Amino acid sequence: MKIQTPGKLLFPFLTGCVMALHPFCATAQTPADLARRNACMACHGLVHKQVGPGFAQIAERYRGDGEAATRLAGKIRNGSVGTWGRVIMPRQTQVSQADAQALAQWILSQPTPR
């Protein structure tokens, strides 16, 4: 009967733990992935209005505004009322400040709608 030493048991155990946690680790996501993961697309289209304005419409409105990314990141996290009519943008507190900033930059990079 062969007895395994703790070192021989520890490596497979730790490898299994790392592999199990991999899906939960911070991985680089594109802003489009963030938009899908946070259900932004439930209300916003890429180009045209659904419930809220399309991302290209937002980009067009704020084009040339140097403070737009910061302002939009704030609207993503804190919500807004009256910017696009009577529809309320609910606050999205589950979105981190860094992710809100990345989303805002991505929204502002959308091409002009046709």
PDB file of N, CA and C in Angstrom:
ATOM      1  N   MET A   1       0.846  -1.174   0.000  1.00  0.00           N
ATOM      2  CA  MET A   1       0.000   0.000   0.000  1.00  0.00           C
ATOM      3  C   MET A   1       0.891   1.236   0.000  1.00  0.00           C
ATOM      4  N   LYS A   2       0.626   2.118  -0.936  1.00  0.00           N
ATOM      5  CA  LYS A   2       1.430   3.327  -1.063  1.00  0.00           C
ATOM      6  C   LYS A   2       0.696   4.490  -0.403  1.00  0.00           C
ATOM      7  N   ILE A   3       1.406   5.222   0.440  1.00  0.00           N
ATOM      8  CA  ILE A   3       0.825   6.372   1.128  1.00  0.00           C
ATOM      9  C   ILE A   3       1.266   7.643   0.406  1.00  0.00           C
ATOM     10  N   GLN A   4       0.276   8.494   0.062  1.00  0.00           N
ATOM     11  CA  GLN A   4       0.607   9.750  -0.615  1.00  0.00           C
ATOM     12  C   GLN A   4       0.958  10.807   0.420  1.00  0.00           C
ATOM     13  N   THR A   5       1.925  11.617   0.079  1.00  0.00           N
ATOM     14  CA  THR A   5       2.313  12.712   0.963  1.00  0.00           C
ATOM     15  C   THR A   5       1.372  13.887   0.740  1.00  0.00           C
ATOM     16  N   PRO A   6       1.274  14.792   1.723  1.00  0.00           N
ATOM     17  CA  PRO A   6       0.378  15.936   1.580  1.00  0.00           C
ATOM     18  C   PRO A   6       0.641  16.763   0.322  1.00  0.00           C
ATOM     19  N   GLY A   7       1.901  16.877  -0.089  1.00  0.00           N
ATOM     20  CA  GLY A   7       2.226  17.653  -1.288  1.00  0.00           C
ATOM     21  C   GLY A   7       1.599  17.058  -2.537  1.00  0.00           C
ATOM     22  N   LYS A   8       1.560  15.725  -2.592  1.00  0.00           N
ATOM     23  CA  LYS A   8       0.972  15.060  -3.755  1.00  0.00           C
ATOM     24  C   LYS A   8      -0.547  15.216  -3.777  1.00  0.00           C
ATOM     25  N   LEU A   9      -1.149  15.403  -2.649  1.00  0.00           N
ATOM     26  CA  LEU A   9      -2.593  15.619  -2.583  1.00  0.00           C
ATOM     27  C   LEU A   9      -2.959  17.085  -2.791  1.00  0.00           C
ATOM     28  N   LEU A  10      -2.084  17.952  -2.350  1.00  0.00           N
ATOM     29  CA  LEU A  10      -2.373  19.379  -2.399  1.00  0.00           C
ATOM     30  C   LEU A  10      -2.439  19.916  -3.823  1.00  0.00           C
ATOM     31  N   PHE A  11      -1.529  19.493  -4.688  1.00  0.00           N
ATOM     32  CA  PHE A  11      -1.498  20.021  -6.052  1.00  0.00           C
ATOM     33  C   PHE A  11      -2.799  19.738  -6.813  1.00  0.00           C
ATOM     34  N   PRO A  12      -3.287  18.488  -6.837  1.00  0.00           N
ATOM     35  CA  PRO A  12      -4.555  18.246  -7.550  1.00  0.00           C
ATOM     36  C   PRO A  12      -5.725  19.014  -6.925  1.00  0.00           C
ATOM     37  N   PHE A  13      -5.715  19.141  -5.618  1.00  0.00           N
ATOM     38  CA  PHE A  13      -6.777  19.875  -4.938  1.00  0.00           C
ATOM     39  C   PHE A  13      -6.780  21.343  -5.361  1.00  0.00           C
ATOM     40  N   LEU A  14      -5.610  21.981  -5.317  1.00  0.00           N
ATOM     41  CA  LEU A  14      -5.519  23.395  -5.695  1.00  0.00           C
ATOM     42  C   LEU A  14      -5.830  23.605  -7.171  1.00  0.00           C
ATOM     43  N   THR A  15      -5.394  22.691  -8.006  1.00  0.00           N
ATOM     44  CA  THR A  15      -5.700  22.788  -9.436  1.00  0.00           C
ATOM     45  C   THR A  15      -7.210  22.738  -9.654  1.00  0.00           C
ATOM     46  N   GLY A  16      -7.875  21.846  -8.959  1.00  0.00           N
ATOM     47  CA  GLY A  16      -9.333  21.753  -9.061  1.00  0.00           C
ATOM     48  C   GLY A  16     -10.021  23.016  -8.588  1.00  0.00           C
ATOM     49  N   CYS A  17      -9.514  23.598  -7.507  1.00  0.00           N
ATOM     50  CA  CYS A  17     -10.100  24.844  -6.998  1.00  0.00           C
ATOM     51  C   CYS A  17      -9.960  25.973  -8.011  1.00  0.00           C
ATOM     52  N   VAL A  18      -8.790  26.101  -8.588  1.00  0.00           N
ATOM     53  CA  VAL A  18      -8.556  27.157  -9.581  1.00  0.00           C
ATOM     54  C   VAL A  18      -9.465  26.959 -10.786  1.00  0.00           C
ATOM     55  N   MET A  19      -9.588  25.735 -11.246  1.00  0.00           N
ATOM     56  CA  MET A  19     -10.436  25.467 -12.407  1.00  0.00           C
ATOM     57  C   MET A  19     -11.902  25.732 -12.088  1.00  0.00           C
ATOM     58  N   ALA A  20     -12.333  25.434 -10.887  1.00  0.00           N
ATOM     59  CA  ALA A  20     -13.723  25.669 -10.504  1.00  0.00           C
ATOM     60  C   ALA A  20     -14.036  27.152 -10.401  1.00  0.00           C
ATOM     61  N   LEU A  21     -13.065  27.940  -9.981  1.00  0.00           N
ATOM     62  CA  LEU A  21     -13.283  29.378  -9.824  1.00  0.00           C
ATOM     63  C   LEU A  21     -13.078  30.161 -11.110  1.00  0.00           C
ATOM     64  N   HIS A  22     -12.509  29.568 -12.127  1.00  0.00           N
ATOM     65  CA  HIS A  22     -12.186  30.281 -13.358  1.00  0.00           C
ATOM     66  C   HIS A  22     -13.359  31.083 -13.930  1.00  0.00           C
ATOM     67  N   PRO A  23     -14.576  30.535 -14.021  1.00  0.00           N
ATOM     68  CA  PRO A  23     -15.663  31.325 -14.600  1.00  0.00           C
ATOM     69  C   PRO A  23     -16.008  32.571 -13.789  1.00  0.00           C
ATOM     70  N   PHE A  24     -15.649  32.583 -12.518  1.00  0.00           N
ATOM     71  CA  PHE A  24     -15.989  33.711 -11.663  1.00  0.00           C
ATOM     72  C   PHE A  24     -14.879  34.754 -11.584  1.00  0.00           C
ATOM     73  N   CYS A  25     -13.734  34.444 -12.124  1.00  0.00           N
ATOM     74  CA  CYS A  25     -12.610  35.372 -12.075  1.00  0.00           C
ATOM     75  C   CYS A  25     -12.867  36.532 -13.022  1.00  0.00           C
ATOM     76  N   ALA A  26     -12.264  37.661 -12.707  1.00  0.00           N
ATOM     77  CA  ALA A  26     -12.389  38.826 -13.577  1.00  0.00           C
ATOM     78  C   ALA A  26     -11.697  38.525 -14.896  1.00  0.00           C
ATOM     79  N   THR A  27     -12.478  38.551 -15.950  1.00  0.00           N
ATOM     80  CA  THR A  27     -11.917  38.354 -17.276  1.00  0.00           C
ATOM     81  C   THR A  27     -12.193  39.602 -18.081  1.00  0.00           C
ATOM     82  N   ALA A  28     -11.338  39.864 -19.024  1.00  0.00           N
ATOM     83  CA  ALA A  28     -11.519  41.042 -19.862  1.00  0.00           C
ATOM     84  C   ALA A  28     -12.785  40.860 -20.684  1.00  0.00           C
ATOM     85  N   GLN A  29     -13.695  41.802 -20.551  1.00  0.00           N
ATOM     86  CA  GLN A  29     -14.924  41.770 -21.319  1.00  0.00           C
ATOM     87  C   GLN A  29     -14.999  43.024 -22.155  1.00  0.00           C
ATOM     88  N   THR A  30     -15.581  42.887 -23.315  1.00  0.00           N
ATOM     89  CA  THR A  30     -15.781  44.064 -24.140  1.00  0.00           C
ATOM     90  C   THR A  30     -16.953  44.850 -23.569  1.00  0.00           C
ATOM     91  N   PRO A  31     -17.030  46.141 -23.865  1.00  0.00           N
ATOM     92  CA  PRO A  31     -18.192  46.910 -23.423  1.00  0.00           C
ATOM     93  C   PRO A  31     -19.505  46.333 -23.965  1.00  0.00           C
ATOM     94  N   ALA A  32     -19.476  45.768 -25.167  1.00  0.00           N
ATOM     95  CA  ALA A  32     -20.690  45.139 -25.702  1.00  0.00           C
ATOM     96  C   ALA A  32     -21.110  43.963 -24.818  1.00  0.00           C
ATOM     97  N   ASP A  33     -20.139  43.198 -24.306  1.00  0.00           N
ATOM     98  CA  ASP A  33     -20.446  42.110 -23.373  1.00  0.00           C
ATOM     99  C   ASP A  33     -21.059  42.665 -22.088  1.00  0.00           C
ATOM    100  N   LEU A  34     -20.501  43.769 -21.600  1.00  0.00           N
ATOM    101  CA  LEU A  34     -21.051  44.411 -20.397  1.00  0.00           C
ATOM    102  C   LEU A  34     -22.488  44.851 -20.633  1.00  0.00           C
ATOM    103  N   ALA A  35     -22.755  45.414 -21.802  1.00  0.00           N
ATOM    104  CA  ALA A  35     -24.110  45.876 -22.123  1.00  0.00           C
ATOM    105  C   ALA A  35     -25.087  44.708 -22.140  1.00  0.00           C
ATOM    106  N   ARG A  36     -24.672  43.594 -22.703  1.00  0.00           N
ATOM    107  CA  ARG A  36     -25.543  42.411 -22.720  1.00  0.00           C
ATOM    108  C   ARG A  36     -25.714  41.837 -21.316  1.00  0.00           C
ATOM    109  N   ARG A  37     -24.611  41.722 -20.587  1.00  0.00           N
ATOM    110  CA  ARG A  37     -24.660  41.126 -19.244  1.00  0.00           C
ATOM    111  C   ARG A  37     -25.522  41.941 -18.287  1.00  0.00           C
ATOM    112  N   ASN A  38     -25.514  43.257 -18.452  1.00  0.00           N
ATOM    113  CA  ASN A  38     -26.276  44.125 -17.555  1.00  0.00           C
ATOM    114  C   ASN A  38     -27.644  44.502 -18.105  1.00  0.00           C
ATOM    115  N   ALA A  39     -28.081  43.814 -19.153  1.00  0.00           N
ATOM    116  CA  ALA A  39     -29.417  43.965 -19.741  1.00  0.00           C
ATOM    117  C   ALA A  39     -29.682  45.354 -20.311  1.00  0.00           C
ATOM    118  N   CYS A  40     -28.645  46.066 -20.714  1.00  0.00           N
ATOM    119  CA  CYS A  40     -28.833  47.379 -21.344  1.00  0.00           C
ATOM    120  C   CYS A  40     -29.655  47.244 -22.623  1.00  0.00           C
ATOM    121  N   MET A  41     -29.446  46.125 -23.331  1.00  0.00           N
ATOM    122  CA  MET A  41     -30.119  45.911 -24.610  1.00  0.00           C
ATOM    123  C   MET A  41     -31.616  45.641 -24.443  1.00  0.00           C
ATOM    124  N   ALA A  42     -32.074  45.439 -23.228  1.00  0.00           N
ATOM    125  CA  ALA A  42     -33.506  45.260 -23.009  1.00  0.00           C
ATOM    126  C   ALA A  42     -34.264  46.555 -23.293  1.00  0.00           C
ATOM    127  N   CYS A  43     -33.604  47.696 -23.123  1.00  0.00           N
ATOM    128  CA  CYS A  43     -34.250  48.993 -23.347  1.00  0.00           C
ATOM    129  C   CYS A  43     -33.621  49.802 -24.478  1.00  0.00           C
ATOM    130  N   HIS A  44     -32.356  49.559 -24.784  1.00  0.00           N
ATOM    131  CA  HIS A  44     -31.633  50.346 -25.786  1.00  0.00           C
ATOM    132  C   HIS A  44     -31.251  49.480 -26.972  1.00  0.00           C
ATOM    133  N   GLY A  45     -31.502  49.995 -28.169  1.00  0.00           N
ATOM    134  CA  GLY A  45     -30.992  49.350 -29.374  1.00  0.00           C
ATOM    135  C   GLY A  45     -29.618  49.908 -29.686  1.00  0.00           C
ATOM    136  N   LEU A  46     -28.909  49.256 -30.575  1.00  0.00           N
ATOM    137  CA  LEU A  46     -27.614  49.794 -30.981  1.00  0.00           C
ATOM    138  C   LEU A  46     -27.793  51.104 -31.736  1.00  0.00           C
ATOM    139  N   VAL A  47     -28.822  51.174 -32.571  1.00  0.00           N
ATOM    140  CA  VAL A  47     -29.017  52.355 -33.405  1.00  0.00           C
ATOM    141  C   VAL A  47     -30.294  53.097 -33.039  1.00  0.00           C
ATOM    142  N   HIS A  48     -31.407  52.385 -32.988  1.00  0.00           N
ATOM    143  CA  HIS A  48     -32.707  53.039 -32.844  1.00  0.00           C
ATOM    144  C   HIS A  48     -33.312  52.856 -31.457  1.00  0.00           C
ATOM    145  N   LYS A  49     -34.236  53.733 -31.157  1.00  0.00           N
ATOM    146  CA  LYS A  49     -34.947  53.711 -29.880  1.00  0.00           C
ATOM    147  C   LYS A  49     -35.749  52.422 -29.742  1.00  0.00           C
ATOM    148  N   GLN A  50     -35.712  51.866 -28.540  1.00  0.00           N
ATOM    149  CA  GLN A  50     -36.626  50.798 -28.157  1.00  0.00           C
ATOM    150  C   GLN A  50     -37.500  51.400 -27.061  1.00  0.00           C
ATOM    151  N   VAL A  51     -37.140  51.196 -25.812  1.00  0.00           N
ATOM    152  CA  VAL A  51     -37.786  51.907 -24.704  1.00  0.00           C
ATOM    153  C   VAL A  51     -37.043  53.217 -24.495  1.00  0.00           C
ATOM    154  N   GLY A  52     -35.726  53.115 -24.427  1.00  0.00           N
ATOM    155  CA  GLY A  52     -34.859  54.286 -24.342  1.00  0.00           C
ATOM    156  C   GLY A  52     -34.167  54.487 -25.681  1.00  0.00           C
ATOM    157  N   PRO A  53     -33.415  55.550 -25.816  1.00  0.00           N
ATOM    158  CA  PRO A  53     -32.770  55.851 -27.095  1.00  0.00           C
ATOM    159  C   PRO A  53     -31.725  54.804 -27.482  1.00  0.00           C
ATOM    160  N   GLY A  54     -31.488  54.687 -28.772  1.00  0.00           N
ATOM    161  CA  GLY A  54     -30.430  53.811 -29.260  1.00  0.00           C
ATOM    162  C   GLY A  54     -29.072  54.389 -28.889  1.00  0.00           C
ATOM    163  N   PHE A  55     -28.089  53.527 -28.778  1.00  0.00           N
ATOM    164  CA  PHE A  55     -26.749  53.994 -28.404  1.00  0.00           C
ATOM    165  C   PHE A  55     -26.186  54.972 -29.430  1.00  0.00           C
ATOM    166  N   ALA A  56     -26.469  54.748 -30.713  1.00  0.00           N
ATOM    167  CA  ALA A  56     -25.990  55.680 -31.739  1.00  0.00           C
ATOM    168  C   ALA A  56     -26.661  57.043 -31.585  1.00  0.00           C
ATOM    169  N   GLN A  57     -27.919  57.069 -31.171  1.00  0.00           N
ATOM    170  CA  GLN A  57     -28.615  58.341 -30.933  1.00  0.00           C
ATOM    171  C   GLN A  57     -27.989  59.084 -29.754  1.00  0.00           C
ATOM    172  N   ILE A  58     -27.640  58.357 -28.724  1.00  0.00           N
ATOM    173  CA  ILE A  58     -26.984  58.971 -27.562  1.00  0.00           C
ATOM    174  C   ILE A  58     -25.634  59.543 -27.981  1.00  0.00           C
ATOM    175  N   ALA A  59     -24.877  58.762 -28.740  1.00  0.00           N
ATOM    176  CA  ALA A  59     -23.561  59.228 -29.201  1.00  0.00           C
ATOM    177  C   ALA A  59     -23.699  60.498 -30.031  1.00  0.00           C
ATOM    178  N   GLU A  60     -24.708  60.540 -30.887  1.00  0.00           N
ATOM    179  CA  GLU A  60     -24.916  61.716 -31.740  1.00  0.00           C
ATOM    180  C   GLU A  60     -25.239  62.953 -30.897  1.00  0.00           C
ATOM    181  N   ARG A  61     -26.073  62.796 -29.894  1.00  0.00           N
ATOM    182  CA  ARG A  61     -26.452  63.938 -29.058  1.00  0.00           C
ATOM    183  C   ARG A  61     -25.247  64.522 -28.326  1.00  0.00           C
ATOM    184  N   TYR A  62     -24.353  63.664 -27.859  1.00  0.00           N
ATOM    185  CA  TYR A  62     -23.240  64.126 -27.033  1.00  0.00           C
ATOM    186  C   TYR A  62     -21.921  64.276 -27.792  1.00  0.00           C
ATOM    187  N   ARG A  63     -21.947  64.066 -29.098  1.00  0.00           N
ATOM    188  CA  ARG A  63     -20.715  64.163 -29.894  1.00  0.00           C
ATOM    189  C   ARG A  63     -20.082  65.543 -29.710  1.00  0.00           C
ATOM    190  N   GLY A  64     -18.797  65.554 -29.399  1.00  0.00           N
ATOM    191  CA  GLY A  64     -18.073  66.811 -29.213  1.00  0.00           C
ATOM    192  C   GLY A  64     -18.100  67.336 -27.785  1.00  0.00           C
ATOM    193  N   ASP A  65     -18.847  66.697 -26.897  1.00  0.00           N
ATOM    194  CA  ASP A  65     -18.931  67.115 -25.494  1.00  0.00           C
ATOM    195  C   ASP A  65     -17.849  66.372 -24.709  1.00  0.00           C
ATOM    196  N   GLY A  66     -16.837  67.081 -24.274  1.00  0.00           N
ATOM    197  CA  GLY A  66     -15.713  66.478 -23.570  1.00  0.00           C
ATOM    198  C   GLY A  66     -16.065  65.860 -22.228  1.00  0.00           C
ATOM    199  N   GLU A  67     -17.170  66.262 -21.633  1.00  0.00           N
ATOM    200  CA  GLU A  67     -17.586  65.731 -20.327  1.00  0.00           C
ATOM    201  C   GLU A  67     -18.643  64.639 -20.447  1.00  0.00           C
ATOM    202  N   ALA A  68     -18.995  64.275 -21.668  1.00  0.00           N
ATOM    203  CA  ALA A  68     -20.107  63.352 -21.883  1.00  0.00           C
ATOM    204  C   ALA A  68     -19.878  61.985 -21.240  1.00  0.00           C
ATOM    205  N   ALA A  69     -18.678  61.436 -21.331  1.00  0.00           N
ATOM    206  CA  ALA A  69     -18.432  60.094 -20.786  1.00  0.00           C
ATOM    207  C   ALA A  69     -18.661  60.061 -19.280  1.00  0.00           C
ATOM    208  N   THR A  70     -18.186  61.072 -18.591  1.00  0.00           N
ATOM    209  CA  THR A  70     -18.381  61.132 -17.137  1.00  0.00           C
ATOM    210  C   THR A  70     -19.859  61.295 -16.805  1.00  0.00           C
ATOM    211  N   ARG A  71     -20.542  62.158 -17.545  1.00  0.00           N
ATOM    212  CA  ARG A  71     -21.966  62.393 -17.301  1.00  0.00           C
ATOM    213  C   ARG A  71     -22.784  61.128 -17.587  1.00  0.00           C
ATOM    214  N   LEU A  72     -22.483  60.455 -18.701  1.00  0.00           N
ATOM    215  CA  LEU A  72     -23.218  59.228 -19.029  1.00  0.00           C
ATOM    216  C   LEU A  72     -22.953  58.114 -18.022  1.00  0.00           C
ATOM    217  N   ALA A  73     -21.718  57.984 -17.572  1.00  0.00           N
ATOM    218  CA  ALA A  73     -21.411  56.972 -16.555  1.00  0.00           C
ATOM    219  C   ALA A  73     -22.240  57.234 -15.300  1.00  0.00           C
ATOM    220  N   GLY A  74     -22.394  58.498 -14.936  1.00  0.00           N
ATOM    221  CA  GLY A  74     -23.235  58.855 -13.794  1.00  0.00           C
ATOM    222  C   GLY A  74     -24.689  58.499 -14.026  1.00  0.00           C
ATOM    223  N   LYS A  75     -25.183  58.723 -15.248  1.00  0.00           N
ATOM    224  CA  LYS A  75     -26.582  58.386 -15.558  1.00  0.00           C
ATOM    225  C   LYS A  75     -26.802  56.877 -15.554  1.00  0.00           C
ATOM    226  N   ILE A  76     -25.792  56.135 -15.969  1.00  0.00           N
ATOM    227  CA  ILE A  76     -25.909  54.675 -15.935  1.00  0.00           C
ATOM    228  C   ILE A  76     -26.061  54.209 -14.490  1.00  0.00           C
ATOM    229  N   ARG A  77     -25.229  54.703 -13.611  1.00  0.00           N
ATOM    230  CA  ARG A  77     -25.257  54.245 -12.213  1.00  0.00           C
ATOM    231  C   ARG A  77     -26.391  54.861 -11.401  1.00  0.00           C
ATOM    232  N   ASN A  78     -26.716  56.135 -11.660  1.00  0.00           N
ATOM    233  CA  ASN A  78     -27.682  56.851 -10.821  1.00  0.00           C
ATOM    234  C   ASN A  78     -29.055  56.999 -11.444  1.00  0.00           C
ATOM    235  N   GLY A  79     -29.191  56.674 -12.728  1.00  0.00           N
ATOM    236  CA  GLY A  79     -30.454  56.852 -13.424  1.00  0.00           C
ATOM    237  C   GLY A  79     -30.666  58.306 -13.813  1.00  0.00           C
ATOM    238  N   SER A  80     -31.735  58.547 -14.558  1.00  0.00           N
ATOM    239  CA  SER A  80     -32.077  59.916 -14.942  1.00  0.00           C
ATOM    240  C   SER A  80     -33.536  59.974 -15.364  1.00  0.00           C
ATOM    241  N   VAL A  81     -34.062  61.178 -15.362  1.00  0.00           N
ATOM    242  CA  VAL A  81     -35.447  61.421 -15.760  1.00  0.00           C
ATOM    243  C   VAL A  81     -35.469  62.654 -16.646  1.00  0.00           C
ATOM    244  N   GLY A  82     -36.184  62.577 -17.764  1.00  0.00           N
ATOM    245  CA  GLY A  82     -36.414  63.755 -18.588  1.00  0.00           C
ATOM    246  C   GLY A  82     -35.374  64.057 -19.640  1.00  0.00           C
ATOM    247  N   THR A  83     -34.298  63.320 -19.694  1.00  0.00           N
ATOM    248  CA  THR A  83     -33.261  63.592 -20.689  1.00  0.00           C
ATOM    249  C   THR A  83     -33.748  63.250 -22.092  1.00  0.00           C
ATOM    250  N   TRP A  84     -34.524  62.198 -22.210  1.00  0.00           N
ATOM    251  CA  TRP A  84     -35.028  61.725 -23.502  1.00  0.00           C
ATOM    252  C   TRP A  84     -36.552  61.640 -23.482  1.00  0.00           C
ATOM    253  N   GLY A  85     -37.189  62.607 -22.884  1.00  0.00           N
ATOM    254  CA  GLY A  85     -38.644  62.572 -22.783  1.00  0.00           C
ATOM    255  C   GLY A  85     -39.064  62.075 -21.412  1.00  0.00           C
ATOM    256  N   ARG A  86     -40.213  61.426 -21.378  1.00  0.00           N
ATOM    257  CA  ARG A  86     -40.783  61.022 -20.091  1.00  0.00           C
ATOM    258  C   ARG A  86     -40.296  59.659 -19.602  1.00  0.00           C
ATOM    259  N   VAL A  87     -39.557  58.952 -20.408  1.00  0.00           N
ATOM    260  CA  VAL A  87     -39.075  57.623 -20.007  1.00  0.00           C
ATOM    261  C   VAL A  87     -37.977  57.766 -18.957  1.00  0.00           C
ATOM    262  N   ILE A  88     -38.086  56.972 -17.909  1.00  0.00           N
ATOM    263  CA  ILE A  88     -37.120  57.003 -16.806  1.00  0.00           C
ATOM    264  C   ILE A  88     -36.007  55.991 -17.077  1.00  0.00           C
ATOM    265  N   MET A  89     -34.778  56.437 -16.909  1.00  0.00           N
ATOM    266  CA  MET A  89     -33.624  55.529 -16.940  1.00  0.00           C
ATOM    267  C   MET A  89     -33.396  55.095 -15.498  1.00  0.00           C
ATOM    268  N   PRO A  90     -33.713  53.834 -15.162  1.00  0.00           N
ATOM    269  CA  PRO A  90     -33.520  53.398 -13.775  1.00  0.00           C
ATOM    270  C   PRO A  90     -32.044  53.292 -13.418  1.00  0.00           C
ATOM    271  N   ARG A  91     -31.745  53.525 -12.163  1.00  0.00           N
ATOM    272  CA  ARG A  91     -30.352  53.408 -11.723  1.00  0.00           C
ATOM    273  C   ARG A  91     -29.892  51.963 -11.839  1.00  0.00           C
ATOM    274  N   GLN A  92     -28.628  51.819 -12.137  1.00  0.00           N
ATOM    275  CA  GLN A  92     -28.015  50.499 -12.320  1.00  0.00           C
ATOM    276  C   GLN A  92     -26.855  50.371 -11.340  1.00  0.00           C
ATOM    277  N   THR A  93     -27.183  50.258 -10.069  1.00  0.00           N
ATOM    278  CA  THR A  93     -26.151  50.240  -9.029  1.00  0.00           C
ATOM    279  C   THR A  93     -25.295  48.977  -9.059  1.00  0.00           C
ATOM    280  N   GLN A  94     -25.757  47.936  -9.759  1.00  0.00           N
ATOM    281  CA  GLN A  94     -24.952  46.714  -9.868  1.00  0.00           C
ATOM    282  C   GLN A  94     -23.778  46.910 -10.821  1.00  0.00           C
ATOM    283  N   VAL A  95     -23.803  47.978 -11.614  1.00  0.00           N
ATOM    284  CA  VAL A  95     -22.714  48.274 -12.551  1.00  0.00           C
ATOM    285  C   VAL A  95     -21.646  49.065 -11.798  1.00  0.00           C
ATOM    286  N   SER A  96     -20.429  48.574 -11.793  1.00  0.00           N
ATOM    287  CA  SER A  96     -19.349  49.284 -11.101  1.00  0.00           C
ATOM    288  C   SER A  96     -19.051  50.600 -11.807  1.00  0.00           C
ATOM    289  N   GLN A  97     -18.386  51.500 -11.100  1.00  0.00           N
ATOM    290  CA  GLN A  97     -18.016  52.786 -11.701  1.00  0.00           C
ATOM    291  C   GLN A  97     -17.120  52.566 -12.916  1.00  0.00           C
ATOM    292  N   ALA A  98     -16.180  51.641 -12.817  1.00  0.00           N
ATOM    293  CA  ALA A  98     -15.278  51.358 -13.943  1.00  0.00           C
ATOM    294  C   ALA A  98     -16.047  50.808 -15.141  1.00  0.00           C
ATOM    295  N   ASP A  99     -16.993  49.903 -14.887  1.00  0.00           N
ATOM    296  CA  ASP A  99     -17.792  49.359 -15.985  1.00  0.00           C
ATOM    297  C   ASP A  99     -18.701  50.427 -16.580  1.00  0.00           C
ATOM    298  N   ALA A 100     -19.267  51.292 -15.742  1.00  0.00           N
ATOM    299  CA  ALA A 100     -20.110  52.380 -16.245  1.00  0.00           C
ATOM    300  C   ALA A 100     -19.301  53.306 -17.147  1.00  0.00           C
ATOM    301  N   GLN A 101     -18.072  53.584 -16.757  1.00  0.00           N
ATOM    302  CA  GLN A 101     -17.201  54.438 -17.577  1.00  0.00           C
ATOM    303  C   GLN A 101     -16.886  53.750 -18.907  1.00  0.00           C
ATOM    304  N   ALA A 102     -16.602  52.455 -18.870  1.00  0.00           N
ATOM    305  CA  ALA A 102     -16.320  51.709 -20.104  1.00  0.00           C
ATOM    306  C   ALA A 102     -17.543  51.684 -21.013  1.00  0.00           C
ATOM    307  N   LEU A 103     -18.719  51.470 -20.430  1.00  0.00           N
ATOM    308  CA  LEU A 103     -19.953  51.486 -21.216  1.00  0.00           C
ATOM    309  C   LEU A 103     -20.189  52.857 -21.839  1.00  0.00           C
ATOM    310  N   ALA A 104     -19.982  53.910 -21.062  1.00  0.00           N
ATOM    311  CA  ALA A 104     -20.189  55.267 -21.569  1.00  0.00           C
ATOM    312  C   ALA A 104     -19.255  55.555 -22.741  1.00  0.00           C
ATOM    313  N   GLN A 105     -17.993  55.185 -22.615  1.00  0.00           N
ATOM    314  CA  GLN A 105     -17.037  55.393 -23.712  1.00  0.00           C
ATOM    315  C   GLN A 105     -17.468  54.620 -24.958  1.00  0.00           C
ATOM    316  N   TRP A 106     -17.926  53.406 -24.763  1.00  0.00           N
ATOM    317  CA  TRP A 106     -18.365  52.581 -25.886  1.00  0.00           C
ATOM    318  C   TRP A 106     -19.602  53.180 -26.553  1.00  0.00           C
ATOM    319  N   ILE A 107     -20.559  53.609 -25.747  1.00  0.00           N
ATOM    320  CA  ILE A 107     -21.765  54.234 -26.300  1.00  0.00           C
ATOM    321  C   ILE A 107     -21.387  55.451 -27.136  1.00  0.00           C
ATOM    322  N   LEU A 108     -20.504  56.277 -26.608  1.00  0.00           N
ATOM    323  CA  LEU A 108     -20.102  57.492 -27.321  1.00  0.00           C
ATOM    324  C   LEU A 108     -19.304  57.193 -28.586  1.00  0.00           C
ATOM    325  N   SER A 109     -18.770  56.000 -28.714  1.00  0.00           N
ATOM    326  CA  SER A 109     -17.996  55.646 -29.907  1.00  0.00           C
ATOM    327  C   SER A 109     -18.870  55.119 -31.043  1.00  0.00           C
ATOM    328  N   GLN A 110     -20.167  54.997 -30.800  1.00  0.00           N
ATOM    329  CA  GLN A 110     -21.049  54.462 -31.833  1.00  0.00           C
ATOM    330  C   GLN A 110     -21.130  55.423 -33.019  1.00  0.00           C
ATOM    331  N   PRO A 111     -21.239  54.878 -34.235  1.00  0.00           N
ATOM    332  CA  PRO A 111     -21.301  55.735 -35.420  1.00  0.00           C
ATOM    333  C   PRO A 111     -22.616  56.505 -35.495  1.00  0.00           C
ATOM    334  N   THR A 112     -22.608  57.555 -36.280  1.00  0.00           N
ATOM    335  CA  THR A 112     -23.806  58.373 -36.482  1.00  0.00           C
ATOM    336  C   THR A 112     -24.909  57.511 -37.093  1.00  0.00           C
ATOM    337  N   PRO A 113     -26.127  57.594 -36.538  1.00  0.00           N
ATOM    338  CA  PRO A 113     -27.222  56.792 -37.102  1.00  0.00           C
ATOM    339  C   PRO A 113     -27.599  57.290 -38.495  1.00  0.00           C
ATOM    340  N   ARG A 114     -28.047  56.393 -39.319  1.00  0.00           N
ATOM    341  CA  ARG A 114     -28.461  56.759 -40.690  1.00  0.00           C
ATOM    342  C   ARG A 114     -29.952  56.774 -40.814  1.00  0.00           C
TER     343      ARG A 114
END
